[in-house]
Amino acid sequence: FWRVVKQCCSALPQNKPRYLMGVGYPLDLVVCTTLGVDMYDCVYPTRTGRFGVALVDAISPGTMRLKGTEYAEDTRVVEEHCDCPCCLKGKGYSRAKLHMMLKSGEPVAAQALTAHNIAYMMRLTRGMRSAILEGKFEEYVRDFLKRFYPGGY
């Protein structure tokens, strides 16, 4: 689909905003921004939160499936540096607590992960915007890809 996005963006006026609906994976947002897209709208961050998945700055695919047994005793928060209501910069819900709440059907877990995922996407888009304004977007993309694919891409 990136080829279609590239073709559409090259055909649209440079001085008009370009909106892409239904694309929400972090990698796709970075690539499509590189291709010229300005605005996005997608249910991905909220839907994945409701299913117990946190978006994280980590190895591809950048998700943490907190229903998995590997989180049952993990006392760390989803992301230490995140100041969302779920993480509270290291003082929020532990992965183990979220795991337990998700397994028992507690709706607050889905709400907390939804808030986290929206905060993640806001950091991602703010980071891209800042890099574009500072003329450092190529460097931003390289750094993003290195975090997403530490073994190379």
N, C-alpha and C. Protein backbone atom coordinates (compact mmCIF):
# COMPACT_ATOMS: atom_id res chain seq x y z
N PHE A 1 0.81 -1.20 0.00
CA PHE A 1 0.00 0.00 0.00
C PHE A 1 0.85 1.26 0.00
N TRP A 2 2.13 1.13 0.41
CA TRP A 2 3.00 2.30 0.41
C TRP A 2 3.16 2.88 -0.99
N ARG A 3 3.16 2.04 -2.00
CA ARG A 3 3.27 2.53 -3.39
C ARG A 3 2.06 3.38 -3.76
N VAL A 4 0.89 2.97 -3.32
CA VAL A 4 -0.32 3.73 -3.59
C VAL A 4 -0.27 5.07 -2.87
N VAL A 5 0.18 5.06 -1.62
CA VAL A 5 0.31 6.30 -0.85
C VAL A 5 1.29 7.24 -1.54
N LYS A 6 2.41 6.71 -1.99
CA LYS A 6 3.40 7.53 -2.68
C LYS A 6 2.81 8.14 -3.96
N GLN A 7 2.10 7.34 -4.71
CA GLN A 7 1.50 7.83 -5.95
C GLN A 7 0.47 8.92 -5.67
N CYS A 8 -0.37 8.70 -4.68
CA CYS A 8 -1.39 9.70 -4.34
C CYS A 8 -0.76 10.99 -3.83
N CYS A 9 0.23 10.87 -2.94
CA CYS A 9 0.86 12.07 -2.39
C CYS A 9 1.59 12.87 -3.47
N SER A 10 2.18 12.18 -4.43
CA SER A 10 2.89 12.90 -5.50
C SER A 10 1.90 13.59 -6.44
N ALA A 11 0.67 13.10 -6.50
CA ALA A 11 -0.34 13.70 -7.38
C ALA A 11 -1.09 14.86 -6.71
N LEU A 12 -1.07 14.91 -5.39
CA LEU A 12 -1.80 15.95 -4.66
C LEU A 12 -0.96 17.22 -4.52
N PRO A 13 -1.62 18.37 -4.40
CA PRO A 13 -0.87 19.64 -4.25
C PRO A 13 -0.02 19.65 -2.98
N GLN A 14 1.20 20.15 -3.09
CA GLN A 14 2.12 20.20 -1.96
C GLN A 14 1.62 21.11 -0.83
N ASN A 15 0.84 22.13 -1.18
CA ASN A 15 0.41 23.11 -0.19
C ASN A 15 -0.91 22.75 0.48
N LYS A 16 -1.42 21.55 0.26
CA LYS A 16 -2.67 21.09 0.87
C LYS A 16 -2.37 19.92 1.80
N PRO A 17 -3.13 19.83 2.91
CA PRO A 17 -2.91 18.68 3.80
C PRO A 17 -3.34 17.37 3.15
N ARG A 18 -2.62 16.31 3.49
CA ARG A 18 -2.92 14.98 2.95
C ARG A 18 -3.33 14.07 4.10
N TYR A 19 -4.54 13.53 3.98
CA TYR A 19 -5.15 12.74 5.03
C TYR A 19 -5.18 11.27 4.63
N LEU A 20 -4.79 10.39 5.53
CA LEU A 20 -4.80 8.95 5.27
C LEU A 20 -5.62 8.27 6.35
N MET A 21 -6.70 7.65 5.95
CA MET A 21 -7.62 7.03 6.89
C MET A 21 -7.34 5.53 7.04
N GLY A 22 -7.41 5.06 8.28
CA GLY A 22 -7.33 3.63 8.53
C GLY A 22 -5.93 3.06 8.62
N VAL A 23 -4.92 3.90 8.67
CA VAL A 23 -3.54 3.42 8.80
C VAL A 23 -3.05 3.84 10.18
N GLY A 24 -2.64 2.86 10.99
CA GLY A 24 -2.28 3.20 12.36
C GLY A 24 -1.08 2.50 12.94
N TYR A 25 -0.48 1.53 12.24
CA TYR A 25 0.73 0.91 12.77
C TYR A 25 1.83 1.96 12.81
N PRO A 26 2.61 2.02 13.89
CA PRO A 26 3.65 3.05 13.99
C PRO A 26 4.60 3.07 12.79
N LEU A 27 5.06 1.92 12.33
CA LEU A 27 5.95 1.89 11.17
C LEU A 27 5.28 2.51 9.96
N ASP A 28 4.01 2.20 9.74
CA ASP A 28 3.28 2.76 8.60
C ASP A 28 3.15 4.28 8.72
N LEU A 29 2.93 4.79 9.93
CA LEU A 29 2.83 6.24 10.11
C LEU A 29 4.15 6.92 9.76
N VAL A 30 5.25 6.34 10.19
CA VAL A 30 6.56 6.93 9.89
C VAL A 30 6.82 6.89 8.38
N VAL A 31 6.57 5.75 7.76
CA VAL A 31 6.81 5.62 6.31
C VAL A 31 5.88 6.55 5.53
N CYS A 32 4.61 6.58 5.88
CA CYS A 32 3.66 7.41 5.13
C CYS A 32 3.91 8.90 5.35
N THR A 33 4.40 9.27 6.53
CA THR A 33 4.80 10.66 6.75
C THR A 33 5.98 11.00 5.84
N THR A 34 6.90 10.07 5.71
CA THR A 34 8.03 10.25 4.79
C THR A 34 7.54 10.44 3.36
N LEU A 35 6.46 9.75 3.00
CA LEU A 35 5.91 9.84 1.65
C LEU A 35 5.06 11.09 1.42
N GLY A 36 4.74 11.82 2.51
CA GLY A 36 4.02 13.08 2.35
C GLY A 36 2.68 13.19 3.04
N VAL A 37 2.28 12.19 3.81
CA VAL A 37 0.99 12.25 4.51
C VAL A 37 1.13 13.16 5.73
N ASP A 38 0.09 13.96 5.98
CA ASP A 38 0.10 14.92 7.07
C ASP A 38 -0.79 14.52 8.25
N MET A 39 -1.90 13.82 7.97
CA MET A 39 -2.87 13.50 9.02
C MET A 39 -3.32 12.05 8.92
N TYR A 40 -3.64 11.48 10.09
CA TYR A 40 -4.05 10.08 10.16
C TYR A 40 -5.29 9.95 11.04
N ASP A 41 -6.01 8.88 10.83
CA ASP A 41 -7.17 8.57 11.64
C ASP A 41 -7.34 7.06 11.64
N CYS A 42 -7.21 6.44 12.81
CA CYS A 42 -7.29 4.98 12.85
C CYS A 42 -7.69 4.51 14.24
N VAL A 43 -8.37 3.38 14.29
CA VAL A 43 -8.79 2.80 15.57
C VAL A 43 -7.71 1.93 16.20
N TYR A 44 -6.62 1.70 15.52
CA TYR A 44 -5.59 0.76 15.96
C TYR A 44 -5.16 0.95 17.42
N PRO A 45 -4.79 2.16 17.86
CA PRO A 45 -4.31 2.28 19.24
C PRO A 45 -5.38 1.94 20.28
N THR A 46 -6.63 2.30 20.02
CA THR A 46 -7.68 2.01 20.99
C THR A 46 -8.12 0.56 20.92
N ARG A 47 -8.23 0.02 19.73
CA ARG A 47 -8.64 -1.38 19.59
C ARG A 47 -7.61 -2.31 20.23
N THR A 48 -6.34 -2.07 19.96
CA THR A 48 -5.32 -2.95 20.53
C THR A 48 -5.29 -2.84 22.05
N GLY A 49 -5.53 -1.64 22.57
CA GLY A 49 -5.61 -1.47 24.02
C GLY A 49 -6.74 -2.30 24.62
N ARG A 50 -7.88 -2.29 23.96
CA ARG A 50 -9.02 -3.08 24.45
C ARG A 50 -8.72 -4.57 24.42
N PHE A 51 -7.84 -5.00 23.53
CA PHE A 51 -7.49 -6.43 23.44
C PHE A 51 -6.29 -6.79 24.31
N GLY A 52 -5.81 -5.83 25.12
CA GLY A 52 -4.72 -6.14 26.03
C GLY A 52 -3.34 -5.99 25.46
N VAL A 53 -3.20 -5.16 24.43
CA VAL A 53 -1.91 -4.97 23.78
C VAL A 53 -1.45 -3.53 23.96
N ALA A 54 -0.22 -3.36 24.40
CA ALA A 54 0.38 -2.03 24.57
C ALA A 54 1.34 -1.76 23.43
N LEU A 55 1.31 -0.54 22.92
CA LEU A 55 2.28 -0.09 21.91
C LEU A 55 3.52 0.39 22.65
N VAL A 56 4.67 -0.07 22.21
CA VAL A 56 5.91 0.25 22.90
C VAL A 56 7.02 0.57 21.90
N ASP A 57 7.98 1.35 22.37
CA ASP A 57 9.19 1.63 21.61
C ASP A 57 10.13 0.46 21.80
N ALA A 58 9.98 -0.53 20.97
CA ALA A 58 10.79 -1.73 21.14
C ALA A 58 10.88 -2.47 19.82
N ILE A 59 11.41 -3.65 19.93
CA ILE A 59 11.61 -4.51 18.77
C ILE A 59 10.30 -4.72 18.02
N SER A 60 10.37 -4.73 16.70
CA SER A 60 9.22 -4.95 15.86
C SER A 60 8.45 -6.17 16.33
N PRO A 61 7.16 -6.12 16.43
CA PRO A 61 6.26 -5.14 15.85
C PRO A 61 5.92 -3.98 16.77
N GLY A 62 6.64 -3.79 17.87
CA GLY A 62 6.38 -2.65 18.75
C GLY A 62 5.15 -2.83 19.62
N THR A 63 4.86 -4.08 19.96
CA THR A 63 3.69 -4.36 20.79
C THR A 63 4.07 -5.26 21.96
N MET A 64 3.30 -5.14 23.01
CA MET A 64 3.47 -5.96 24.20
C MET A 64 2.10 -6.57 24.51
N ARG A 65 1.97 -7.86 24.33
CA ARG A 65 0.70 -8.58 24.56
C ARG A 65 0.63 -9.01 26.02
N LEU A 66 -0.01 -8.16 26.81
CA LEU A 66 0.03 -8.33 28.26
C LEU A 66 -0.81 -9.48 28.79
N LYS A 67 -1.57 -10.13 27.96
CA LYS A 67 -2.28 -11.34 28.40
C LYS A 67 -1.35 -12.55 28.45
N GLY A 68 -0.17 -12.41 27.84
CA GLY A 68 0.79 -13.52 27.81
C GLY A 68 1.34 -13.85 29.19
N THR A 69 1.60 -15.12 29.41
CA THR A 69 2.06 -15.58 30.73
C THR A 69 3.41 -14.98 31.14
N GLU A 70 4.20 -14.53 30.16
CA GLU A 70 5.50 -13.94 30.51
C GLU A 70 5.36 -12.65 31.32
N TYR A 71 4.16 -12.08 31.39
CA TYR A 71 3.95 -10.84 32.15
C TYR A 71 3.29 -11.07 33.50
N ALA A 72 2.96 -12.30 33.82
CA ALA A 72 2.22 -12.63 35.05
C ALA A 72 2.96 -12.18 36.32
N GLU A 73 4.29 -12.12 36.28
CA GLU A 73 5.05 -11.73 37.48
C GLU A 73 6.00 -10.57 37.21
N ASP A 74 5.79 -9.86 36.12
CA ASP A 74 6.65 -8.75 35.73
C ASP A 74 6.19 -7.48 36.46
N THR A 75 7.01 -6.99 37.36
CA THR A 75 6.62 -5.85 38.20
C THR A 75 6.90 -4.48 37.56
N ARG A 76 7.48 -4.48 36.39
CA ARG A 76 7.75 -3.20 35.71
C ARG A 76 6.47 -2.65 35.09
N VAL A 77 6.42 -1.32 34.90
CA VAL A 77 5.32 -0.72 34.16
C VAL A 77 5.54 -0.97 32.67
N VAL A 78 4.56 -0.64 31.85
CA VAL A 78 4.67 -0.88 30.41
C VAL A 78 5.90 -0.17 29.85
N GLU A 79 6.04 1.13 30.10
CA GLU A 79 7.22 1.90 29.66
C GLU A 79 7.59 2.88 30.77
N GLU A 80 8.82 2.78 31.25
CA GLU A 80 9.30 3.61 32.36
C GLU A 80 9.21 5.12 32.08
N HIS A 81 9.51 5.53 30.85
CA HIS A 81 9.57 6.95 30.53
C HIS A 81 8.21 7.56 30.22
N CYS A 82 7.18 6.74 30.11
CA CYS A 82 5.85 7.20 29.71
C CYS A 82 5.12 7.84 30.89
N ASP A 83 4.51 9.00 30.65
CA ASP A 83 3.78 9.67 31.73
C ASP A 83 2.26 9.55 31.59
N CYS A 84 1.82 8.55 30.83
CA CYS A 84 0.37 8.33 30.67
C CYS A 84 -0.22 7.84 32.00
N PRO A 85 -1.56 7.84 32.13
CA PRO A 85 -2.19 7.37 33.36
C PRO A 85 -1.90 5.90 33.69
N CYS A 86 -1.52 5.11 32.71
CA CYS A 86 -1.20 3.69 32.94
C CYS A 86 0.20 3.54 33.54
N CYS A 87 1.16 4.27 33.01
CA CYS A 87 2.58 4.10 33.41
C CYS A 87 3.03 5.05 34.50
N LEU A 88 2.57 6.29 34.46
CA LEU A 88 2.93 7.31 35.45
C LEU A 88 4.43 7.38 35.72
N LYS A 89 5.22 7.35 34.64
CA LYS A 89 6.68 7.41 34.73
C LYS A 89 7.24 6.42 35.75
N GLY A 90 6.80 5.17 35.65
CA GLY A 90 7.33 4.11 36.50
C GLY A 90 6.53 3.84 37.76
N LYS A 91 5.49 4.64 38.03
CA LYS A 91 4.72 4.47 39.27
C LYS A 91 3.29 4.01 39.02
N GLY A 92 3.01 3.59 37.79
CA GLY A 92 1.65 3.16 37.43
C GLY A 92 1.45 1.67 37.61
N TYR A 93 0.52 1.13 36.83
CA TYR A 93 0.20 -0.30 36.90
C TYR A 93 1.38 -1.13 36.43
N SER A 94 1.67 -2.18 37.16
CA SER A 94 2.72 -3.10 36.71
C SER A 94 2.17 -3.97 35.58
N ARG A 95 3.07 -4.55 34.83
CA ARG A 95 2.66 -5.48 33.77
C ARG A 95 1.91 -6.67 34.38
N ALA A 96 2.34 -7.12 35.55
CA ALA A 96 1.67 -8.23 36.23
C ALA A 96 0.25 -7.85 36.63
N LYS A 97 0.08 -6.64 37.14
CA LYS A 97 -1.26 -6.18 37.54
C LYS A 97 -2.16 -6.08 36.31
N LEU A 98 -1.64 -5.52 35.23
CA LEU A 98 -2.43 -5.43 33.99
C LEU A 98 -2.76 -6.82 33.47
N HIS A 99 -1.79 -7.72 33.51
CA HIS A 99 -2.01 -9.10 33.09
C HIS A 99 -3.17 -9.72 33.87
N MET A 100 -3.12 -9.60 35.20
CA MET A 100 -4.15 -10.17 36.07
C MET A 100 -5.51 -9.53 35.77
N MET A 101 -5.55 -8.21 35.63
CA MET A 101 -6.82 -7.53 35.36
C MET A 101 -7.38 -7.93 34.00
N LEU A 102 -6.52 -8.06 33.00
CA LEU A 102 -6.98 -8.47 31.67
C LEU A 102 -7.54 -9.88 31.71
N LYS A 103 -6.85 -10.77 32.40
CA LYS A 103 -7.29 -12.17 32.49
C LYS A 103 -8.63 -12.30 33.24
N SER A 104 -8.85 -11.40 34.20
CA SER A 104 -10.09 -11.47 34.97
C SER A 104 -11.20 -10.60 34.39
N GLY A 105 -10.91 -9.92 33.27
CA GLY A 105 -11.94 -9.13 32.59
C GLY A 105 -12.22 -7.77 33.20
N GLU A 106 -11.28 -7.25 33.99
CA GLU A 106 -11.45 -5.92 34.58
C GLU A 106 -11.36 -4.85 33.49
N PRO A 107 -12.40 -4.06 33.27
CA PRO A 107 -12.37 -3.06 32.19
C PRO A 107 -11.33 -1.97 32.38
N VAL A 108 -10.90 -1.71 33.62
CA VAL A 108 -9.93 -0.65 33.85
C VAL A 108 -8.60 -0.96 33.15
N ALA A 109 -8.27 -2.23 32.98
CA ALA A 109 -7.03 -2.59 32.29
C ALA A 109 -7.08 -2.13 30.84
N ALA A 110 -8.19 -2.38 30.17
CA ALA A 110 -8.34 -1.95 28.78
C ALA A 110 -8.33 -0.43 28.68
N GLN A 111 -8.93 0.22 29.64
CA GLN A 111 -8.94 1.69 29.65
C GLN A 111 -7.52 2.24 29.84
N ALA A 112 -6.78 1.62 30.75
CA ALA A 112 -5.40 2.08 31.01
C ALA A 112 -4.52 1.86 29.78
N LEU A 113 -4.66 0.71 29.13
CA LEU A 113 -3.85 0.44 27.94
C LEU A 113 -4.27 1.33 26.77
N THR A 114 -5.54 1.65 26.67
CA THR A 114 -5.99 2.58 25.63
C THR A 114 -5.35 3.95 25.85
N ALA A 115 -5.35 4.41 27.10
CA ALA A 115 -4.70 5.70 27.41
C ALA A 115 -3.21 5.65 27.08
N HIS A 116 -2.57 4.53 27.42
CA HIS A 116 -1.14 4.39 27.11
C HIS A 116 -0.92 4.44 25.60
N ASN A 117 -1.71 3.70 24.85
CA ASN A 117 -1.52 3.64 23.40
C ASN A 117 -1.74 4.99 22.73
N ILE A 118 -2.70 5.74 23.22
CA ILE A 118 -2.92 7.09 22.67
C ILE A 118 -1.72 7.98 23.01
N ALA A 119 -1.22 7.87 24.23
CA ALA A 119 -0.02 8.64 24.62
C ALA A 119 1.17 8.25 23.75
N TYR A 120 1.32 6.95 23.48
CA TYR A 120 2.41 6.48 22.61
C TYR A 120 2.31 7.13 21.23
N MET A 121 1.11 7.10 20.65
CA MET A 121 0.92 7.66 19.31
C MET A 121 1.15 9.18 19.31
N MET A 122 0.76 9.83 20.37
CA MET A 122 1.00 11.28 20.46
C MET A 122 2.50 11.57 20.53
N ARG A 123 3.25 10.76 21.28
CA ARG A 123 4.71 10.94 21.32
C ARG A 123 5.32 10.71 19.94
N LEU A 124 4.83 9.67 19.27
CA LEU A 124 5.34 9.35 17.94
C LEU A 124 5.09 10.51 16.97
N THR A 125 3.87 10.99 16.92
CA THR A 125 3.55 12.06 15.96
C THR A 125 4.20 13.39 16.35
N ARG A 126 4.29 13.66 17.64
CA ARG A 126 4.99 14.89 18.08
C ARG A 126 6.47 14.81 17.72
N GLY A 127 7.05 13.63 17.91
CA GLY A 127 8.45 13.45 17.54
C GLY A 127 8.69 13.67 16.07
N MET A 128 7.80 13.13 15.24
CA MET A 128 7.94 13.33 13.79
C MET A 128 7.79 14.81 13.44
N ARG A 129 6.78 15.44 14.03
CA ARG A 129 6.55 16.87 13.74
C ARG A 129 7.76 17.72 14.13
N SER A 130 8.29 17.49 15.31
CA SER A 130 9.47 18.24 15.77
C SER A 130 10.65 18.01 14.83
N ALA A 131 10.86 16.77 14.44
CA ALA A 131 11.98 16.46 13.55
C ALA A 131 11.81 17.15 12.20
N ILE A 132 10.60 17.18 11.69
CA ILE A 132 10.34 17.86 10.41
C ILE A 132 10.63 19.35 10.55
N LEU A 133 10.13 19.97 11.61
CA LEU A 133 10.32 21.41 11.81
C LEU A 133 11.79 21.77 12.02
N GLU A 134 12.55 20.84 12.63
CA GLU A 134 13.98 21.09 12.87
C GLU A 134 14.86 20.68 11.70
N GLY A 135 14.25 20.14 10.64
CA GLY A 135 15.02 19.69 9.50
C GLY A 135 15.81 18.42 9.77
N LYS A 136 15.34 17.60 10.72
CA LYS A 136 16.05 16.38 11.12
C LYS A 136 15.20 15.13 10.93
N PHE A 137 14.28 15.16 9.98
CA PHE A 137 13.36 14.03 9.83
C PHE A 137 14.07 12.77 9.35
N GLU A 138 15.05 12.90 8.46
CA GLU A 138 15.78 11.70 8.01
C GLU A 138 16.46 11.01 9.18
N GLU A 139 17.06 11.79 10.05
CA GLU A 139 17.71 11.24 11.24
C GLU A 139 16.67 10.57 12.16
N TYR A 140 15.51 11.20 12.31
CA TYR A 140 14.44 10.64 13.12
C TYR A 140 14.01 9.27 12.58
N VAL A 141 13.82 9.19 11.27
CA VAL A 141 13.41 7.93 10.64
C VAL A 141 14.47 6.85 10.87
N ARG A 142 15.74 7.20 10.68
CA ARG A 142 16.82 6.23 10.91
C ARG A 142 16.81 5.73 12.36
N ASP A 143 16.66 6.66 13.30
CA ASP A 143 16.64 6.28 14.72
C ASP A 143 15.43 5.40 15.04
N PHE A 144 14.29 5.75 14.48
CA PHE A 144 13.09 4.94 14.68
C PHE A 144 13.31 3.53 14.17
N LEU A 145 13.85 3.40 12.97
CA LEU A 145 14.08 2.08 12.38
C LEU A 145 15.11 1.28 13.17
N LYS A 146 16.11 1.95 13.71
CA LYS A 146 17.10 1.25 14.54
C LYS A 146 16.47 0.70 15.81
N ARG A 147 15.55 1.46 16.41
CA ARG A 147 14.85 0.99 17.61
C ARG A 147 13.90 -0.16 17.25
N PHE A 148 13.23 -0.03 16.13
CA PHE A 148 12.22 -0.99 15.71
C PHE A 148 12.87 -2.29 15.21
N TYR A 149 14.01 -2.16 14.54
CA TYR A 149 14.74 -3.30 13.98
C TYR A 149 16.20 -3.24 14.42
N PRO A 150 16.47 -3.56 15.70
CA PRO A 150 17.85 -3.43 16.20
C PRO A 150 18.85 -4.33 15.49
N GLY A 151 18.42 -5.40 14.87
CA GLY A 151 19.32 -6.28 14.16
C GLY A 151 19.56 -5.86 12.72
N GLY A 152 18.96 -4.75 12.32
CA GLY A 152 19.07 -4.27 10.94
C GLY A 152 17.73 -4.42 10.23
N TYR A 153 17.61 -3.66 9.15
CA TYR A 153 16.37 -3.71 8.39
C TYR A 153 16.64 -3.81 6.93
